[in-house]
């Protein structure tokens, strides 16, 4: 999260190029939307599971980062594919995601704009809440995304579950009873799915990451080249980690940072 924020700041100032970053998490980490209450989490259960906790700079609801691919797009708000309304930029980015899934042999679709009910707004789980221009396949949610705009820049995060039990997130959230937890788990399993479930075969992180990079290049015409975070980005991320994320630590595996010109 700190590195994404650092890249956003640098890109918004024109010090770094627009960036598509692809990464995963180790150990598993529960991320909350920037305005989501910590009360949605059961601290004792979270600790027992050995999962970490972090708050995203983007909005949305809780996501469990394990056995998945996380993408982030950071660019100036003046970028031709990201300027205009938030929903318009969501739609643009979704074209790259759809194309990436096609490279993995999966047909997916972008959902139309939706308006949430009060009950849906209160739901703590991202993958159980419908959202405008989310990515679905065979009627089930596959990629959940959220966006923030600040300091002249745009940052959008998203999660693509690759494998595992899609309902595991319920183990670390607060519910009034075990019956309510079980009902939430069952509902989530019906509404969302992993990539492995939908394509009928295991998909490695590397395969998924390469497919997404190809998808963005193909659908949006981005000229991508592999790159590493700059020294300034790493220094800023270290400062942010100590300043804002000290109580919400997470450890990331080595990532692929792809720059878009």
C-alpha atoms as a PDB file:
ATOM      1  CA  UNK A   1       0.000   0.000   0.000  1.00  0.00           C
ATOM      2  CA  UNK A   2       2.803   2.419   0.875  1.00  0.00           C
ATOM      3  CA  UNK A   3       4.586   1.803  -2.417  1.00  0.00           C
ATOM      4  CA  UNK A   4       1.384   2.299  -4.415  1.00  0.00           C
ATOM      5  CA  UNK A   5       0.857   5.608  -2.615  1.00  0.00           C
ATOM      6  CA  UNK A   6       4.465   6.642  -3.323  1.00  0.00           C
ATOM      7  CA  UNK A   7       4.113   5.808  -7.014  1.00  0.00           C
ATOM      8  CA  UNK A   8       0.835   7.740  -7.159  1.00  0.00           C
ATOM      9  CA  UNK A   9       2.489  10.829  -5.686  1.00  0.00           C
ATOM     10  CA  UNK A  10       5.448  10.614  -8.079  1.00  0.00           C
ATOM     11  CA  UNK A  11       3.253   9.999 -11.122  1.00  0.00           C
ATOM     12  CA  UNK A  12       0.942  12.894 -10.264  1.00  0.00           C
ATOM     13  CA  UNK A  13       3.973  15.220 -10.188  1.00  0.00           C
ATOM     14  CA  UNK A  14       5.310  13.872 -13.470  1.00  0.00           C
ATOM     15  CA  UNK A  15       8.388  12.400 -11.758  1.00  0.00           C
ATOM     16  CA  UNK A  16       7.391   8.825 -12.648  1.00  0.00           C
ATOM     17  CA  UNK A  17       5.542   7.479 -15.680  1.00  0.00           C
ATOM     18  CA  UNK A  18       2.016   6.076 -15.412  1.00  0.00           C
ATOM     19  CA  UNK A  19       2.430   2.668 -13.795  1.00  0.00           C
ATOM     20  CA  UNK A  20       0.641  -0.661 -13.912  1.00  0.00           C
ATOM     21  CA  UNK A  21       1.871  -2.602 -10.893  1.00  0.00           C
ATOM     22  CA  UNK A  22       1.163  -6.315 -10.406  1.00  0.00           C
ATOM     23  CA  UNK A  23       1.905  -8.043  -7.125  1.00  0.00           C
ATOM     24  CA  UNK A  24       0.801 -10.540  -4.476  1.00  0.00           C
ATOM     25  CA  UNK A  25       1.003 -10.760  -0.694  1.00  0.00           C
ATOM     26  CA  UNK A  26       2.881 -12.845   1.853  1.00  0.00           C
ATOM     27  CA  UNK A  27       1.654 -13.507   4.507  1.00  0.00           C
ATOM     28  CA  UNK A  28      -2.077 -13.197   3.779  1.00  0.00           C
ATOM     29  CA  UNK A  29      -3.433  -9.734   4.490  1.00  0.00           C
ATOM     30  CA  UNK A  30      -6.900  -8.318   4.991  1.00  0.00           C
ATOM     31  CA  UNK A  31      -7.268  -4.847   3.469  1.00  0.00           C
ATOM     32  CA  UNK A  32     -10.056  -2.440   4.343  1.00  0.00           C
ATOM     33  CA  UNK A  33     -11.379   0.441   2.277  1.00  0.00           C
ATOM     34  CA  UNK A  34     -10.209   3.876   3.422  1.00  0.00           C
ATOM     35  CA  UNK A  35     -13.515   4.660   5.159  1.00  0.00           C
ATOM     36  CA  UNK A  36     -14.431   1.152   6.312  1.00  0.00           C
ATOM     37  CA  UNK A  37     -14.662   0.797  10.119  1.00  0.00           C
ATOM     38  CA  UNK A  38     -12.129  -1.422  11.853  1.00  0.00           C
ATOM     39  CA  UNK A  39     -15.079  -2.769  13.818  1.00  0.00           C
ATOM     40  CA  UNK A  40     -15.884  -4.942  10.792  1.00  0.00           C
ATOM     41  CA  UNK A  41     -12.837  -7.052  11.735  1.00  0.00           C
ATOM     42  CA  UNK A  42     -12.639  -9.653  14.514  1.00  0.00           C
ATOM     43  CA  UNK A  43      -9.117  -9.003  15.915  1.00  0.00           C
ATOM     44  CA  UNK A  44      -8.893 -12.290  17.820  1.00  0.00           C
ATOM     45  CA  UNK A  45      -9.800 -14.346  14.777  1.00  0.00           C
ATOM     46  CA  UNK A  46      -7.454 -12.314  12.571  1.00  0.00           C
ATOM     47  CA  UNK A  47      -4.544 -12.936  14.954  1.00  0.00           C
ATOM     48  CA  UNK A  48      -5.342 -16.638  15.256  1.00  0.00           C
ATOM     49  CA  UNK A  49      -5.264 -16.972  11.476  1.00  0.00           C
ATOM     50  CA  UNK A  50      -1.922 -15.170  11.275  1.00  0.00           C
ATOM     51  CA  UNK A  51      -3.246 -12.656   8.761  1.00  0.00           C
ATOM     52  CA  UNK A  52      -2.080  -9.058   8.604  1.00  0.00           C
ATOM     53  CA  UNK A  53      -4.288  -5.989   8.341  1.00  0.00           C
ATOM     54  CA  UNK A  54      -3.922  -2.803   6.291  1.00  0.00           C
ATOM     55  CA  UNK A  55      -6.125   0.089   5.262  1.00  0.00           C
ATOM     56  CA  UNK A  56      -6.120   0.942   1.558  1.00  0.00           C
ATOM     57  CA  UNK A  57      -5.967   4.533   0.330  1.00  0.00           C
ATOM     58  CA  UNK A  58      -8.761   3.539  -2.070  1.00  0.00           C
ATOM     59  CA  UNK A  59     -12.371   2.964  -1.092  1.00  0.00           C
ATOM     60  CA  UNK A  60     -14.485  -0.158  -1.166  1.00  0.00           C
ATOM     61  CA  UNK A  61     -14.908  -2.994   1.304  1.00  0.00           C
ATOM     62  CA  UNK A  62     -12.736  -5.740   2.807  1.00  0.00           C
ATOM     63  CA  UNK A  63     -10.581  -7.934   0.565  1.00  0.00           C
ATOM     64  CA  UNK A  64      -8.463 -10.925   1.581  1.00  0.00           C
ATOM     65  CA  UNK A  65      -5.156 -10.888  -0.260  1.00  0.00           C
ATOM     66  CA  UNK A  66      -3.988 -14.477  -0.569  1.00  0.00           C
ATOM     67  CA  UNK A  67      -3.766 -16.774  -3.583  1.00  0.00           C
ATOM     68  CA  UNK A  68      -4.550 -13.758  -5.755  1.00  0.00           C
ATOM     69  CA  UNK A  69      -3.118 -11.113  -8.048  1.00  0.00           C
ATOM     70  CA  UNK A  70      -3.380  -7.484  -7.021  1.00  0.00           C
ATOM     71  CA  UNK A  71      -3.139  -4.810  -9.690  1.00  0.00           C
ATOM     72  CA  UNK A  72      -2.742  -1.082  -9.267  1.00  0.00           C
ATOM     73  CA  UNK A  73      -2.817   1.711 -11.821  1.00  0.00           C
ATOM     74  CA  UNK A  74      -1.242   5.036 -10.846  1.00  0.00           C
ATOM     75  CA  UNK A  75      -1.181   8.015 -13.208  1.00  0.00           C
ATOM     76  CA  UNK A  76      -1.874  11.746 -13.443  1.00  0.00           C
ATOM     77  CA  UNK A  77      -5.565  12.620 -13.546  1.00  0.00           C
ATOM     78  CA  UNK A  78      -4.892  14.215 -16.933  1.00  0.00           C
ATOM     79  CA  UNK A  79      -4.000  10.855 -18.511  1.00  0.00           C
ATOM     80  CA  UNK A  80      -6.325  10.419 -21.529  1.00  0.00           C
ATOM     81  CA  UNK A  81      -7.598   7.050 -20.304  1.00  0.00           C
ATOM     82  CA  UNK A  82      -8.221   8.258 -16.745  1.00  0.00           C
ATOM     83  CA  UNK A  83      -9.455  11.820 -17.152  1.00  0.00           C
ATOM     84  CA  UNK A  84     -13.155  12.592 -16.911  1.00  0.00           C
ATOM     85  CA  UNK A  85     -15.431  10.936 -14.378  1.00  0.00           C
ATOM     86  CA  UNK A  86     -14.459   8.163 -11.994  1.00  0.00           C
ATOM     87  CA  UNK A  87     -16.874   5.757 -13.658  1.00  0.00           C
ATOM     88  CA  UNK A  88     -15.497   6.585 -17.106  1.00  0.00           C
ATOM     89  CA  UNK A  89     -11.985   5.683 -15.976  1.00  0.00           C
ATOM     90  CA  UNK A  90     -13.304   2.524 -14.287  1.00  0.00           C
ATOM     91  CA  UNK A  91     -14.766   1.504 -17.614  1.00  0.00           C
ATOM     92  CA  UNK A  92     -11.493   2.175 -19.450  1.00  0.00           C
ATOM     93  CA  UNK A  93      -9.418   0.130 -17.011  1.00  0.00           C
ATOM     94  CA  UNK A  94     -11.975  -2.670 -17.129  1.00  0.00           C
ATOM     95  CA  UNK A  95     -11.263  -3.083 -20.846  1.00  0.00           C
ATOM     96  CA  UNK A  96      -7.682  -4.024 -20.015  1.00  0.00           C
ATOM     97  CA  UNK A  97      -8.843  -6.471 -17.353  1.00  0.00           C
ATOM     98  CA  UNK A  98     -11.333  -8.109 -19.711  1.00  0.00           C
ATOM     99  CA  UNK A  99      -8.652  -8.486 -22.392  1.00  0.00           C
ATOM    100  CA  UNK A 100      -6.288 -10.005 -19.834  1.00  0.00           C
ATOM    101  CA  UNK A 101      -8.865 -12.601 -18.860  1.00  0.00           C
ATOM    102  CA  UNK A 102      -9.406 -13.439 -22.521  1.00  0.00           C
ATOM    103  CA  UNK A 103      -5.691 -14.271 -22.755  1.00  0.00           C
ATOM    104  CA  UNK A 104      -6.351 -16.795 -19.973  1.00  0.00           C
ATOM    105  CA  UNK A 105      -9.197 -18.359 -21.920  1.00  0.00           C
ATOM    106  CA  UNK A 106     -12.030 -16.814 -19.930  1.00  0.00           C
ATOM    107  CA  UNK A 107     -14.906 -14.759 -21.271  1.00  0.00           C
ATOM    108  CA  UNK A 108     -15.917 -12.043 -18.835  1.00  0.00           C
ATOM    109  CA  UNK A 109     -18.097  -8.972 -18.898  1.00  0.00           C
ATOM    110  CA  UNK A 110     -18.301  -5.523 -17.379  1.00  0.00           C
ATOM    111  CA  UNK A 111     -21.379  -4.857 -15.310  1.00  0.00           C
ATOM    112  CA  UNK A 112     -23.351  -1.642 -15.907  1.00  0.00           C
ATOM    113  CA  UNK A 113     -23.547   1.223 -13.440  1.00  0.00           C
ATOM    114  CA  UNK A 114     -25.394   0.232 -10.262  1.00  0.00           C
ATOM    115  CA  UNK A 115     -26.806   2.040  -7.237  1.00  0.00           C
ATOM    116  CA  UNK A 116     -26.301   0.291  -3.918  1.00  0.00           C
ATOM    117  CA  UNK A 117     -29.026  -0.206  -1.340  1.00  0.00           C
ATOM    118  CA  UNK A 118     -28.347   0.739   2.286  1.00  0.00           C
ATOM    119  CA  UNK A 119     -27.918  -2.943   3.152  1.00  0.00           C
ATOM    120  CA  UNK A 120     -25.359  -3.393   0.380  1.00  0.00           C
ATOM    121  CA  UNK A 121     -23.447  -0.305   1.525  1.00  0.00           C
ATOM    122  CA  UNK A 122     -23.210  -1.807   5.011  1.00  0.00           C
ATOM    123  CA  UNK A 123     -21.879  -5.162   3.783  1.00  0.00           C
ATOM    124  CA  UNK A 124     -18.214  -5.477   4.881  1.00  0.00           C
ATOM    125  CA  UNK A 125     -17.135  -7.825   2.057  1.00  0.00           C
ATOM    126  CA  UNK A 126     -16.036  -6.424  -1.309  1.00  0.00           C
ATOM    127  CA  UNK A 127     -16.783  -9.528  -3.356  1.00  0.00           C
ATOM    128  CA  UNK A 128     -20.356  -9.744  -2.074  1.00  0.00           C
ATOM    129  CA  UNK A 129     -21.255  -6.168  -3.002  1.00  0.00           C
ATOM    130  CA  UNK A 130     -22.145  -5.293  -6.617  1.00  0.00           C
ATOM    131  CA  UNK A 131     -20.387  -2.264  -8.067  1.00  0.00           C
ATOM    132  CA  UNK A 132     -20.384  -0.298 -11.294  1.00  0.00           C
ATOM    133  CA  UNK A 133     -18.188  -1.780 -14.027  1.00  0.00           C
ATOM    134  CA  UNK A 134     -17.067  -4.720 -11.910  1.00  0.00           C
ATOM    135  CA  UNK A 135     -15.800  -7.782 -13.766  1.00  0.00           C
ATOM    136  CA  UNK A 136     -17.984 -10.885 -13.715  1.00  0.00           C
ATOM    137  CA  UNK A 137     -17.975 -14.227 -15.479  1.00  0.00           C
ATOM    138  CA  UNK A 138     -20.735 -16.808 -15.593  1.00  0.00           C
ATOM    139  CA  UNK A 139     -22.762 -14.558 -13.321  1.00  0.00           C
ATOM    140  CA  UNK A 140     -20.168 -14.422 -10.535  1.00  0.00           C
ATOM    141  CA  UNK A 141     -17.926 -11.554  -9.447  1.00  0.00           C
ATOM    142  CA  UNK A 142     -14.274 -12.114 -10.328  1.00  0.00           C
ATOM    143  CA  UNK A 143     -12.402  -8.802  -9.989  1.00  0.00           C
ATOM    144  CA  UNK A 144     -13.190  -6.183  -7.375  1.00  0.00           C
ATOM    145  CA  UNK A 145     -11.708  -2.690  -7.785  1.00  0.00           C
ATOM    146  CA  UNK A 146     -11.654   0.677  -6.021  1.00  0.00           C
ATOM    147  CA  UNK A 147     -10.268   4.081  -6.945  1.00  0.00           C
ATOM    148  CA  UNK A 148      -9.061   7.267  -5.289  1.00  0.00           C
ATOM    149  CA  UNK A 149      -8.160  10.650  -6.773  1.00  0.00           C
ATOM    150  CA  UNK A 150      -5.890  13.012  -4.890  1.00  0.00           C
ATOM    151  CA  UNK A 151      -3.122  15.548  -5.477  1.00  0.00           C
ATOM    152  CA  UNK A 152      -3.780  15.523  -9.214  1.00  0.00           C
ATOM    153  CA  UNK A 153      -3.374  11.766  -9.520  1.00  0.00           C
ATOM    154  CA  UNK A 154      -5.480   8.621  -9.900  1.00  0.00           C
ATOM    155  CA  UNK A 155      -4.884   5.322  -8.097  1.00  0.00           C
ATOM    156  CA  UNK A 156      -7.016   2.263  -8.781  1.00  0.00           C
ATOM    157  CA  UNK A 157      -6.545  -1.039  -6.968  1.00  0.00           C
ATOM    158  CA  UNK A 158      -8.080  -4.372  -7.848  1.00  0.00           C
ATOM    159  CA  UNK A 159      -7.946  -8.015  -6.785  1.00  0.00           C
ATOM    160  CA  UNK A 160      -8.159 -11.139  -8.952  1.00  0.00           C
ATOM    161  CA  UNK A 161      -8.562 -14.277  -6.777  1.00  0.00           C
ATOM    162  CA  UNK A 162      -6.615 -17.103  -8.389  1.00  0.00           C
ATOM    163  CA  UNK A 163      -7.470 -20.109  -6.218  1.00  0.00           C
ATOM    164  CA  UNK A 164      -8.595 -21.266  -2.789  1.00  0.00           C
ATOM    165  CA  UNK A 165     -11.788 -20.855  -0.821  1.00  0.00           C
ATOM    166  CA  UNK A 166     -13.371 -17.558  -1.843  1.00  0.00           C
ATOM    167  CA  UNK A 167     -15.283 -17.458   1.467  1.00  0.00           C
ATOM    168  CA  UNK A 168     -12.213 -17.558   3.739  1.00  0.00           C
ATOM    169  CA  UNK A 169     -12.459 -13.835   4.369  1.00  0.00           C
ATOM    170  CA  UNK A 170     -15.509 -14.437   6.557  1.00  0.00           C
ATOM    171  CA  UNK A 171     -13.284 -16.193   9.096  1.00  0.00           C
ATOM    172  CA  UNK A 172     -11.711 -12.873  10.122  1.00  0.00           C
ATOM    173  CA  UNK A 173     -14.750 -10.595  10.043  1.00  0.00           C
ATOM    174  CA  UNK A 174     -17.075  -9.778  12.909  1.00  0.00           C
ATOM    175  CA  UNK A 175     -20.529 -11.379  12.904  1.00  0.00           C
ATOM    176  CA  UNK A 176     -23.244 -11.554  15.537  1.00  0.00           C
ATOM    177  CA  UNK A 177     -23.313 -15.349  15.484  1.00  0.00           C
ATOM    178  CA  UNK A 178     -21.791 -18.419  13.854  1.00  0.00           C
ATOM    179  CA  UNK A 179     -25.054 -18.831  11.952  1.00  0.00           C
ATOM    180  CA  UNK A 180     -24.676 -15.360  10.454  1.00  0.00           C
ATOM    181  CA  UNK A 181     -21.050 -16.110   9.545  1.00  0.00           C
ATOM    182  CA  UNK A 182     -22.059 -19.350   7.817  1.00  0.00           C
ATOM    183  CA  UNK A 183     -24.808 -17.578   5.877  1.00  0.00           C
ATOM    184  CA  UNK A 184     -22.372 -14.892   4.711  1.00  0.00           C
ATOM    185  CA  UNK A 185     -19.880 -17.554   3.611  1.00  0.00           C
ATOM    186  CA  UNK A 186     -22.525 -19.397   1.623  1.00  0.00           C
ATOM    187  CA  UNK A 187     -23.763 -16.203  -0.021  1.00  0.00           C
ATOM    188  CA  UNK A 188     -20.225 -15.168  -0.983  1.00  0.00           C
ATOM    189  CA  UNK A 189     -19.500 -18.582  -2.504  1.00  0.00           C
ATOM    190  CA  UNK A 190     -22.570 -18.193  -4.711  1.00  0.00           C
ATOM    191  CA  UNK A 191     -21.854 -14.616  -5.805  1.00  0.00           C
ATOM    192  CA  UNK A 192     -18.091 -14.721  -6.395  1.00  0.00           C
ATOM    193  CA  UNK A 193     -15.508 -17.177  -7.710  1.00  0.00           C
ATOM    194  CA  UNK A 194     -11.791 -17.701  -8.194  1.00  0.00           C
ATOM    195  CA  UNK A 195     -10.125 -17.775 -11.584  1.00  0.00           C
ATOM    196  CA  UNK A 196      -9.323 -21.472 -11.157  1.00  0.00           C
ATOM    197  CA  UNK A 197     -12.986 -22.277 -10.564  1.00  0.00           C
ATOM    198  CA  UNK A 198     -14.114 -20.431 -13.677  1.00  0.00           C
ATOM    199  CA  UNK A 199     -11.440 -21.612 -16.127  1.00  0.00           C
ATOM    200  CA  UNK A 200     -11.366 -25.152 -14.735  1.00  0.00           C
ATOM    201  CA  UNK A 201      -7.592 -25.327 -14.246  1.00  0.00           C
ATOM    202  CA  UNK A 202      -4.891 -23.871 -11.991  1.00  0.00           C
ATOM    203  CA  UNK A 203      -3.482 -20.527 -13.142  1.00  0.00           C
ATOM    204  CA  UNK A 204      -0.133 -19.450 -11.721  1.00  0.00           C
ATOM    205  CA  UNK A 205       0.544 -15.904 -10.565  1.00  0.00           C
ATOM    206  CA  UNK A 206       3.108 -15.423 -13.340  1.00  0.00           C
ATOM    207  CA  UNK A 207       0.671 -16.570 -16.023  1.00  0.00           C
ATOM    208  CA  UNK A 208      -2.046 -14.273 -14.714  1.00  0.00           C
ATOM    209  CA  UNK A 209       0.335 -11.297 -14.430  1.00  0.00           C
ATOM    210  CA  UNK A 210       1.630 -11.700 -17.968  1.00  0.00           C
ATOM    211  CA  UNK A 211      -1.918 -12.039 -19.303  1.00  0.00           C
ATOM    212  CA  UNK A 212      -2.984  -8.836 -17.555  1.00  0.00           C
ATOM    213  CA  UNK A 213       0.012  -6.934 -18.916  1.00  0.00           C
ATOM    214  CA  UNK A 214      -0.824  -8.130 -22.428  1.00  0.00           C
ATOM    215  CA  UNK A 215      -4.465  -7.213 -21.873  1.00  0.00           C
ATOM    216  CA  UNK A 216      -3.742  -3.621 -20.882  1.00  0.00           C
ATOM    217  CA  UNK A 217      -1.318  -3.182 -23.773  1.00  0.00           C
ATOM    218  CA  UNK A 218      -3.769  -4.663 -26.255  1.00  0.00           C
ATOM    219  CA  UNK A 219      -7.030  -3.050 -25.124  1.00  0.00           C
ATOM    220  CA  UNK A 220      -5.720   0.378 -24.135  1.00  0.00           C
ATOM    221  CA  UNK A 221      -2.752   0.687 -26.452  1.00  0.00           C
ATOM    222  CA  UNK A 222      -0.354   1.196 -23.544  1.00  0.00           C
ATOM    223  CA  UNK A 223       3.316   0.670 -24.312  1.00  0.00           C
ATOM    224  CA  UNK A 224       4.455  -1.272 -21.260  1.00  0.00           C
ATOM    225  CA  UNK A 225       7.978  -2.154 -20.245  1.00  0.00           C
ATOM    226  CA  UNK A 226       9.130  -3.970 -17.076  1.00  0.00           C
ATOM    227  CA  UNK A 227      10.546  -1.638 -14.460  1.00  0.00           C
ATOM    228  CA  UNK A 228      11.516  -1.379 -10.813  1.00  0.00           C
ATOM    229  CA  UNK A 229      10.433   1.268  -8.308  1.00  0.00           C
ATOM    230  CA  UNK A 230      12.732   4.279  -8.342  1.00  0.00           C
ATOM    231  CA  UNK A 231      14.956   5.143  -5.394  1.00  0.00           C
ATOM    232  CA  UNK A 232      12.728   8.117  -4.595  1.00  0.00           C
ATOM    233  CA  UNK A 233       9.610   5.935  -4.677  1.00  0.00           C
ATOM    234  CA  UNK A 234      11.214   3.414  -2.327  1.00  0.00           C
ATOM    235  CA  UNK A 235      12.352   6.150   0.058  1.00  0.00           C
ATOM    236  CA  UNK A 236       8.896   7.719   0.087  1.00  0.00           C
ATOM    237  CA  UNK A 237       7.271   4.302   0.590  1.00  0.00           C
ATOM    238  CA  UNK A 238       9.553   3.647   3.559  1.00  0.00           C
ATOM    239  CA  UNK A 239       8.524   6.967   5.089  1.00  0.00           C
ATOM    240  CA  UNK A 240       4.833   6.295   4.470  1.00  0.00           C
ATOM    241  CA  UNK A 241       5.145   2.798   5.898  1.00  0.00           C
ATOM    242  CA  UNK A 242       6.569   4.179   9.135  1.00  0.00           C
ATOM    243  CA  UNK A 243       4.184   7.125   9.265  1.00  0.00           C
ATOM    244  CA  UNK A 244       0.853   5.684   8.145  1.00  0.00           C
ATOM    245  CA  UNK A 245       1.112   1.916   7.976  1.00  0.00           C
ATOM    246  CA  UNK A 246       3.143   1.065  11.100  1.00  0.00           C
ATOM    247  CA  UNK A 247       0.138  -0.573  12.763  1.00  0.00           C
ATOM    248  CA  UNK A 248      -1.007  -2.235   9.563  1.00  0.00           C
ATOM    249  CA  UNK A 249       2.085  -4.048   8.298  1.00  0.00           C
ATOM    250  CA  UNK A 250       2.044  -6.269   5.251  1.00  0.00           C
ATOM    251  CA  UNK A 251       4.784  -8.078   3.379  1.00  0.00           C
ATOM    252  CA  UNK A 252       4.768  -8.223  -0.397  1.00  0.00           C
ATOM    253  CA  UNK A 253       6.486 -10.733  -2.609  1.00  0.00           C
ATOM    254  CA  UNK A 254       8.759  -9.360  -5.349  1.00  0.00           C
ATOM    255  CA  UNK A 255       6.511  -7.630  -7.849  1.00  0.00           C
ATOM    256  CA  UNK A 256       6.440  -6.695 -11.497  1.00  0.00           C
ATOM    257  CA  UNK A 257       6.143  -2.963 -12.060  1.00  0.00           C
ATOM    258  CA  UNK A 258       5.234  -2.187 -15.641  1.00  0.00           C
ATOM    259  CA  UNK A 259       5.448   1.372 -16.864  1.00  0.00           C
ATOM    260  CA  UNK A 260       3.025   2.792 -19.408  1.00  0.00           C
ATOM    261  CA  UNK A 261       4.136   5.570 -21.708  1.00  0.00           C
END
